[in-house]
C-alpha atoms as a PDB file:
ATOM      1  CA  LEU A   1      56.580 125.044  92.953  1.00  0.00           C
ATOM      2  CA  ASN A   2      56.486 122.329  95.616  1.00  0.00           C
ATOM      3  CA  VAL A   3      53.694 124.087  97.433  1.00  0.00           C
ATOM      4  CA  ALA A   4      51.866 124.472  94.297  1.00  0.00           C
ATOM      5  CA  GLN A   5      52.331 120.783  93.319  1.00  0.00           C
ATOM      6  CA  ASN A   6      51.018 119.699  96.734  1.00  0.00           C
ATOM      7  CA  MET A   7      47.960 121.788  96.209  1.00  0.00           C
ATOM      8  CA  ASN A   8      47.386 120.240  92.691  1.00  0.00           C
ATOM      9  CA  LEU A   9      47.218 123.997  91.779  1.00  0.00           C
ATOM     10  CA  ALA A  10      46.523 123.366  88.055  1.00  0.00           C
ATOM     11  CA  SER A  11      43.395 121.479  88.860  1.00  0.00           C
ATOM     12  CA  TYR A  12      41.574 124.556  90.471  1.00  0.00           C
ATOM     13  CA  GLU A  13      38.553 125.671  88.335  1.00  0.00           C
ATOM     14  CA  GLY A  14      38.748 129.236  87.416  1.00  0.00           C
ATOM     15  CA  LEU A  15      42.615 129.327  87.411  1.00  0.00           C
ATOM     16  CA  ASP A  16      43.618 131.522  84.538  1.00  0.00           C
ATOM     17  CA  LEU A  17      47.462 132.097  85.028  1.00  0.00           C
ATOM     18  CA  ILE A  18      50.467 130.602  86.711  1.00  0.00           C
ATOM     19  CA  VAL A  19      53.625 132.753  86.662  1.00  0.00           C
ATOM     20  CA  THR A  20      57.092 131.266  87.192  1.00  0.00           C
ATOM     21  CA  PRO A  21      60.610 131.761  85.699  1.00  0.00           C
ATOM     22  CA  TYR A  22      61.235 127.932  86.415  1.00  0.00           C
ATOM     23  CA  ILE A  23      59.464 126.791  82.962  1.00  0.00           C
ATOM     24  CA  PHE A  24      60.916 123.436  82.687  1.00  0.00           C
ATOM     25  CA  LEU A  25      60.242 122.338  86.263  1.00  0.00           C
ATOM     26  CA  GLY A  26      56.976 124.092  86.405  1.00  0.00           C
ATOM     27  CA  SER A  27      55.644 122.159  83.441  1.00  0.00           C
ATOM     28  CA  GLN A  28      56.937 118.901  84.802  1.00  0.00           C
ATOM     29  CA  MET A  29      55.479 119.496  88.336  1.00  0.00           C
ATOM     30  CA  LEU A  30      52.148 121.244  87.776  1.00  0.00           C
ATOM     31  CA  PHE A  31      50.805 120.021  84.428  1.00  0.00           C
ATOM     32  CA  ASN A  32      49.755 116.535  83.157  1.00  0.00           C
ATOM     33  CA  GLU A  33      47.414 115.053  80.537  1.00  0.00           C
ATOM     34  CA  VAL A  34      44.230 116.030  82.531  1.00  0.00           C
ATOM     35  CA  ASN A  35      45.382 119.585  83.655  1.00  0.00           C
ATOM     36  CA  ARG A  36      47.105 120.835  80.692  1.00  0.00           C
ATOM     37  CA  GLY A  37      48.820 124.465  80.147  1.00  0.00           C
ATOM     38  CA  ARG A  38      49.653 126.601  77.405  1.00  0.00           C
ATOM     39  CA  LEU A  39      53.107 128.656  77.744  1.00  0.00           C
ATOM     40  CA  PHE A  40      53.189 132.288  76.780  1.00  0.00           C
ATOM     41  CA  MET A  41      56.158 134.667  77.142  1.00  0.00           C
ATOM     42  CA  LEU A  42      56.774 138.300  76.722  1.00  0.00           C
ATOM     43  CA  LEU A  43      60.508 138.356  75.442  1.00  0.00           C
ATOM     44  CA  ARG A  44      62.946 141.380  75.737  1.00  0.00           C
ATOM     45  CA  HIS A  45      66.090 141.799  73.603  1.00  0.00           C
ATOM     46  CA  PRO A  46      68.845 139.913  75.686  1.00  0.00           C
ATOM     47  CA  ILE A  47      71.122 143.077  75.494  1.00  0.00           C
ATOM     48  CA  ASP A  48      68.405 145.259  76.625  1.00  0.00           C
ATOM     49  CA  ARG A  49      67.524 142.907  79.442  1.00  0.00           C
ATOM     50  CA  ALA A  50      71.346 142.486  80.575  1.00  0.00           C
ATOM     51  CA  VAL A  51      71.677 146.233  80.685  1.00  0.00           C
ATOM     52  CA  SER A  52      68.610 146.805  82.600  1.00  0.00           C
ATOM     53  CA  MET A  53      69.719 144.098  85.073  1.00  0.00           C
ATOM     54  CA  TYR A  54      72.998 145.939  85.713  1.00  0.00           C
ATOM     55  CA  TYR A  55      71.063 149.080  86.612  1.00  0.00           C
ATOM     56  CA  TYR A  56      68.653 146.987  88.740  1.00  0.00           C
ATOM     57  CA  LEU A  57      71.406 145.533  90.723  1.00  0.00           C
ATOM     58  CA  ARG A  58      73.212 148.794  91.054  1.00  0.00           C
ATOM     59  CA  ASP A  59      70.246 150.935  92.120  1.00  0.00           C
ATOM     60  CA  LYS A  60      67.848 148.647  93.838  1.00  0.00           C
ATOM     61  CA  THR A  61      69.819 146.143  95.712  1.00  0.00           C
ATOM     62  CA  GLY A  62      73.005 148.132  96.752  1.00  0.00           C
ATOM     63  CA  ILE A  63      75.465 145.822  95.201  1.00  0.00           C
ATOM     64  CA  ARG A  64      78.429 147.687  94.183  1.00  0.00           C
ATOM     65  CA  GLY A  65      82.176 147.522  93.171  1.00  0.00           C
ATOM     66  CA  ALA A  66      83.801 144.154  92.798  1.00  0.00           C
ATOM     67  CA  GLN A  67      80.714 142.289  92.504  1.00  0.00           C
ATOM     68  CA  ILE A  68      79.176 143.793  89.483  1.00  0.00           C
ATOM     69  CA  GLY A  69      81.762 146.485  88.439  1.00  0.00           C
ATOM     70  CA  ASP A  70      81.552 150.225  88.853  1.00  0.00           C
ATOM     71  CA  THR A  71      80.386 150.625  85.288  1.00  0.00           C
ATOM     72  CA  LEU A  72      78.274 148.805  82.714  1.00  0.00           C
ATOM     73  CA  ASP A  73      81.354 147.795  80.880  1.00  0.00           C
ATOM     74  CA  LEU A  74      82.974 146.243  83.795  1.00  0.00           C
ATOM     75  CA  TYR A  75      79.769 144.436  84.567  1.00  0.00           C
ATOM     76  CA  ALA A  76      79.764 143.007  80.990  1.00  0.00           C
ATOM     77  CA  LYS A  77      83.066 141.580  81.815  1.00  0.00           C
ATOM     78  CA  SER A  78      82.302 140.370  85.237  1.00  0.00           C
ATOM     79  CA  SER A  79      81.118 136.950  86.666  1.00  0.00           C
ATOM     80  CA  MET A  80      77.825 138.700  87.584  1.00  0.00           C
ATOM     81  CA  VAL A  81      76.698 139.217  84.016  1.00  0.00           C
ATOM     82  CA  GLU A  82      73.809 137.299  82.704  1.00  0.00           C
ATOM     83  CA  ASN A  83      74.596 134.220  80.501  1.00  0.00           C
ATOM     84  CA  ASN A  84      71.955 133.126  78.242  1.00  0.00           C
ATOM     85  CA  TRP A  85      69.258 133.136  80.781  1.00  0.00           C
ATOM     86  CA  MET A  86      66.373 132.499  78.458  1.00  0.00           C
ATOM     87  CA  THR A  87      67.970 129.458  76.845  1.00  0.00           C
ATOM     88  CA  ARG A  88      69.079 128.090  80.227  1.00  0.00           C
ATOM     89  CA  PHE A  89      65.609 128.384  81.598  1.00  0.00           C
ATOM     90  CA  LEU A  90      63.941 126.864  78.754  1.00  0.00           C
ATOM     91  CA  THR A  91      66.221 123.859  78.708  1.00  0.00           C
ATOM     92  CA  ASN A  92      66.707 123.649  82.327  1.00  0.00           C
ATOM     93  CA  LYS A  93      70.550 123.621  81.870  1.00  0.00           C
ATOM     94  CA  MET A  94      71.469 126.338  84.517  1.00  0.00           C
ATOM     95  CA  GLY A  95      75.174 125.640  84.588  1.00  0.00           C
ATOM     96  CA  GLY A  96      77.814 124.307  82.097  1.00  0.00           C
ATOM     97  CA  GLU A  97      78.373 125.195  78.439  1.00  0.00           C
ATOM     98  CA  LEU A  98      75.488 125.302  76.194  1.00  0.00           C
ATOM     99  CA  THR A  99      75.539 123.270  72.812  1.00  0.00           C
ATOM    100  CA  ALA A 100      73.862 123.568  69.610  1.00  0.00           C
ATOM    101  CA  ASP A 101      71.365 120.788  70.864  1.00  0.00           C
ATOM    102  CA  ASP A 102      70.354 123.129  73.762  1.00  0.00           C
ATOM    103  CA  GLU A 103      69.787 125.961  71.271  1.00  0.00           C
ATOM    104  CA  ALA A 104      67.756 123.673  69.044  1.00  0.00           C
ATOM    105  CA  LEU A 105      65.688 122.430  72.007  1.00  0.00           C
ATOM    106  CA  ALA A 106      64.972 126.008  73.251  1.00  0.00           C
ATOM    107  CA  LYS A 107      63.882 126.887  69.605  1.00  0.00           C
ATOM    108  CA  GLU A 108      61.703 124.013  69.426  1.00  0.00           C
ATOM    109  CA  ILE A 109      59.916 124.773  72.751  1.00  0.00           C
ATOM    110  CA  LEU A 110      59.383 128.404  71.530  1.00  0.00           C
ATOM    111  CA  LYS A 111      57.976 127.043  68.154  1.00  0.00           C
ATOM    112  CA  THR A 112      55.638 124.442  69.349  1.00  0.00           C
ATOM    113  CA  LYS A 113      54.845 125.082  72.980  1.00  0.00           C
ATOM    114  CA  CYS A 114      54.671 128.989  73.254  1.00  0.00           C
ATOM    115  CA  LEU A 115      52.586 131.879  72.432  1.00  0.00           C
ATOM    116  CA  VAL A 116      55.264 134.485  71.755  1.00  0.00           C
ATOM    117  CA  GLY A 117      54.890 138.116  72.680  1.00  0.00           C
ATOM    118  CA  LEU A 118      57.804 140.780  72.405  1.00  0.00           C
ATOM    119  CA  LEU A 119      58.165 143.718  74.720  1.00  0.00           C
ATOM    120  CA  SER A 120      59.151 145.972  71.779  1.00  0.00           C
ATOM    121  CA  LYS A 121      55.515 145.284  70.551  1.00  0.00           C
ATOM    122  CA  LYS A 122      53.814 145.332  73.976  1.00  0.00           C
ATOM    123  CA  THR A 123      50.455 146.357  72.801  1.00  0.00           C
ATOM    124  CA  GLU A 124      50.033 143.925  70.092  1.00  0.00           C
ATOM    125  CA  SER A 125      51.435 141.177  72.234  1.00  0.00           C
ATOM    126  CA  MET A 126      48.967 141.827  75.010  1.00  0.00           C
ATOM    127  CA  ARG A 127      46.260 142.149  72.562  1.00  0.00           C
ATOM    128  CA  ARG A 128      47.113 138.524  71.354  1.00  0.00           C
ATOM    129  CA  PHE A 129      47.272 137.286  74.819  1.00  0.00           C
ATOM    130  CA  LYS A 130      43.841 138.486  75.636  1.00  0.00           C
ATOM    131  CA  LEU A 131      42.433 137.078  72.532  1.00  0.00           C
ATOM    132  CA  TYR A 132      43.843 133.950  72.813  1.00  0.00           C
ATOM    133  CA  TYR A 133      43.112 133.061  76.573  1.00  0.00           C
ATOM    134  CA  GLY A 134      39.781 134.852  76.378  1.00  0.00           C
ATOM    135  CA  TRP A 135      40.682 137.145  79.186  1.00  0.00           C
ATOM    136  CA  LYS A 136      38.035 139.876  79.948  1.00  0.00           C
ATOM    137  CA  ALA A 137      38.083 142.532  82.631  1.00  0.00           C
ATOM    138  CA  GLN A 138      35.435 142.308  85.232  1.00  0.00           C
ATOM    139  CA  ASP A 139      34.725 145.950  85.187  1.00  0.00           C
ATOM    140  CA  HIS A 140      32.064 147.803  87.089  1.00  0.00           C
ATOM    141  CA  ASP A 141      33.464 151.116  87.695  1.00  0.00           C
ATOM    142  CA  GLY A 142      35.833 151.679  84.806  1.00  0.00           C
ATOM    143  CA  SER A 143      38.775 151.223  87.020  1.00  0.00           C
ATOM    144  CA  ASN A 144      39.849 147.937  85.109  1.00  0.00           C
ATOM    145  CA  GLU A 145      39.584 149.434  81.761  1.00  0.00           C
ATOM    146  CA  ASP A 146      41.873 152.352  82.915  1.00  0.00           C
ATOM    147  CA  CYS A 147      44.188 149.662  84.353  1.00  0.00           C
ATOM    148  CA  GLU A 148      44.142 147.858  80.925  1.00  0.00           C
ATOM    149  CA  ASP A 149      44.706 150.881  79.012  1.00  0.00           C
ATOM    150  CA  LYS A 150      47.855 151.615  81.012  1.00  0.00           C
ATOM    151  CA  LEU A 151      48.864 148.036  80.640  1.00  0.00           C
ATOM    152  CA  PHE A 152      48.562 147.970  76.781  1.00  0.00           C
ATOM    153  CA  HIS A 153      49.693 151.525  75.899  1.00  0.00           C
ATOM    154  CA  TRP A 154      51.641 153.219  78.575  1.00  0.00           C
ATOM    155  CA  GLY A 155      55.331 152.811  79.787  1.00  0.00           C
ATOM    156  CA  TRP A 156      55.476 150.440  82.742  1.00  0.00           C
ATOM    157  CA  SER A 157      56.157 151.837  86.160  1.00  0.00           C
ATOM    158  CA  GLY A 158      59.212 150.682  88.010  1.00  0.00           C
ATOM    159  CA  ILE A 159      61.257 150.386  84.826  1.00  0.00           C
ATOM    160  CA  ASN A 160      64.995 151.161  85.461  1.00  0.00           C
ATOM    161  CA  LYS A 161      65.340 154.244  83.455  1.00  0.00           C
ATOM    162  CA  HIS A 162      68.805 154.442  81.645  1.00  0.00           C
ATOM    163  CA  GLU A 163      70.526 155.175  78.375  1.00  0.00           C
ATOM    164  CA  MET A 164      70.830 152.235  76.141  1.00  0.00           C
ATOM    165  CA  ILE A 165      74.180 151.239  74.869  1.00  0.00           C
ATOM    166  CA  GLN A 166      75.132 151.683  71.164  1.00  0.00           C
ATOM    167  CA  GLU A 167      74.917 148.482  69.128  1.00  0.00           C
ATOM    168  CA  GLY A 168      78.410 147.460  67.944  1.00  0.00           C
ATOM    169  CA  SER A 169      80.151 149.211  70.915  1.00  0.00           C
ATOM    170  CA  ASP A 170      82.673 147.240  73.183  1.00  0.00           C
ATOM    171  CA  THR A 171      80.063 147.067  75.868  1.00  0.00           C
ATOM    172  CA  TRP A 172      77.532 145.729  73.464  1.00  0.00           C
ATOM    173  CA  ASN A 173      79.921 143.202  72.071  1.00  0.00           C
ATOM    174  CA  ALA A 174      80.812 141.891  75.384  1.00  0.00           C
ATOM    175  CA  LEU A 175      77.196 141.431  76.408  1.00  0.00           C
ATOM    176  CA  LYS A 176      76.333 139.613  73.213  1.00  0.00           C
ATOM    177  CA  GLU A 177      79.334 137.309  73.572  1.00  0.00           C
ATOM    178  CA  GLN A 178      77.936 136.400  77.050  1.00  0.00           C
ATOM    179  CA  ASN A 179      74.344 135.937  75.495  1.00  0.00           C
ATOM    180  CA  ALA A 180      75.024 134.620  72.061  1.00  0.00           C
ATOM    181  CA  PHE A 181      72.632 131.852  72.477  1.00  0.00           C
ATOM    182  CA  ASP A 182      69.859 134.197  73.615  1.00  0.00           C
ATOM    183  CA  VAL A 183      70.481 136.600  70.951  1.00  0.00           C
ATOM    184  CA  ARG A 184      69.870 133.982  68.384  1.00  0.00           C
ATOM    185  CA  LEU A 185      67.018 132.694  70.242  1.00  0.00           C
ATOM    186  CA  TYR A 186      65.355 136.067  70.461  1.00  0.00           C
ATOM    187  CA  GLU A 187      65.908 136.476  66.621  1.00  0.00           C
ATOM    188  CA  TYR A 188      64.004 133.289  66.189  1.00  0.00           C
ATOM    189  CA  ALA A 189      61.433 134.368  68.566  1.00  0.00           C
ATOM    190  CA  VAL A 190      60.711 137.511  66.320  1.00  0.00           C
ATOM    191  CA  LYS A 191      60.118 135.351  63.343  1.00  0.00           C
ATOM    192  CA  ILE A 192      57.714 133.116  65.434  1.00  0.00           C
ATOM    193  CA  PHE A 193      55.881 136.240  66.507  1.00  0.00           C
ATOM    194  CA  GLU A 194      55.388 137.224  62.887  1.00  0.00           C
ATOM    195  CA  VAL A 195      54.237 133.838  61.702  1.00  0.00           C
ATOM    196  CA  GLN A 196      51.757 133.624  64.730  1.00  0.00           C
ATOM    197  CA  GLY A 197      50.418 136.986  63.913  1.00  0.00           C
ATOM    198  CA  ALA A 198      49.817 135.757  60.206  1.00  0.00           C
ATOM    199  CA  THR A 199      48.245 132.365  61.073  1.00  0.00           C
ATOM    200  CA  MET A 200      46.617 132.632  64.556  1.00  0.00           C
ATOM    201  CA  PHE A 201      45.473 136.319  64.464  1.00  0.00           C
ATOM    202  CA  GLN A 202      44.935 137.267  61.000  1.00  0.00           C
ATOM    203  CA  ASP A 203      41.196 137.948  61.228  1.00  0.00           C
ATOM    204  CA  ASN A 204      41.738 139.920  64.331  1.00  0.00           C
END
């Protein structure tokens, strides 16, 4: 972000996209009244995200045992488990206890600043992003069309394949307890997704 700020990256003509998990800092450091941005997010259910993170840590990074637990259940009860990642990044509150005010702020940001997409509705979400931002593939040989088709309609490569846990199980409840703010925020995001579909994309 510091490099991008020093480059005045947001002022570059033809720039379509800036990607960063540091939403709060990114908006402060890169954008201003002259160079404005519009936030969009592709959201995943927090429990699904937490389960996927466990398998990523286990299979990709070689972390084992006491660090994340030998099982998903132990991970859900360990200090390594995610704790309301989405709420914290939206509000820039990376540590400490979250409050009702933090939750209200995160919801307000999603409602007023964000074009919401859902991973569970990937095809529709990507269609909306494309329409809203006017993205068009520069396609001369058909390769971009094939790439777009895979992005919109296929499963994504590199995904951590694993069985999902049963809702209401002890492990599910442990992960939900650690991500209670994010679960409520996701449920709110689903409603925003529906409203945006009816008000912004009803003719498409």
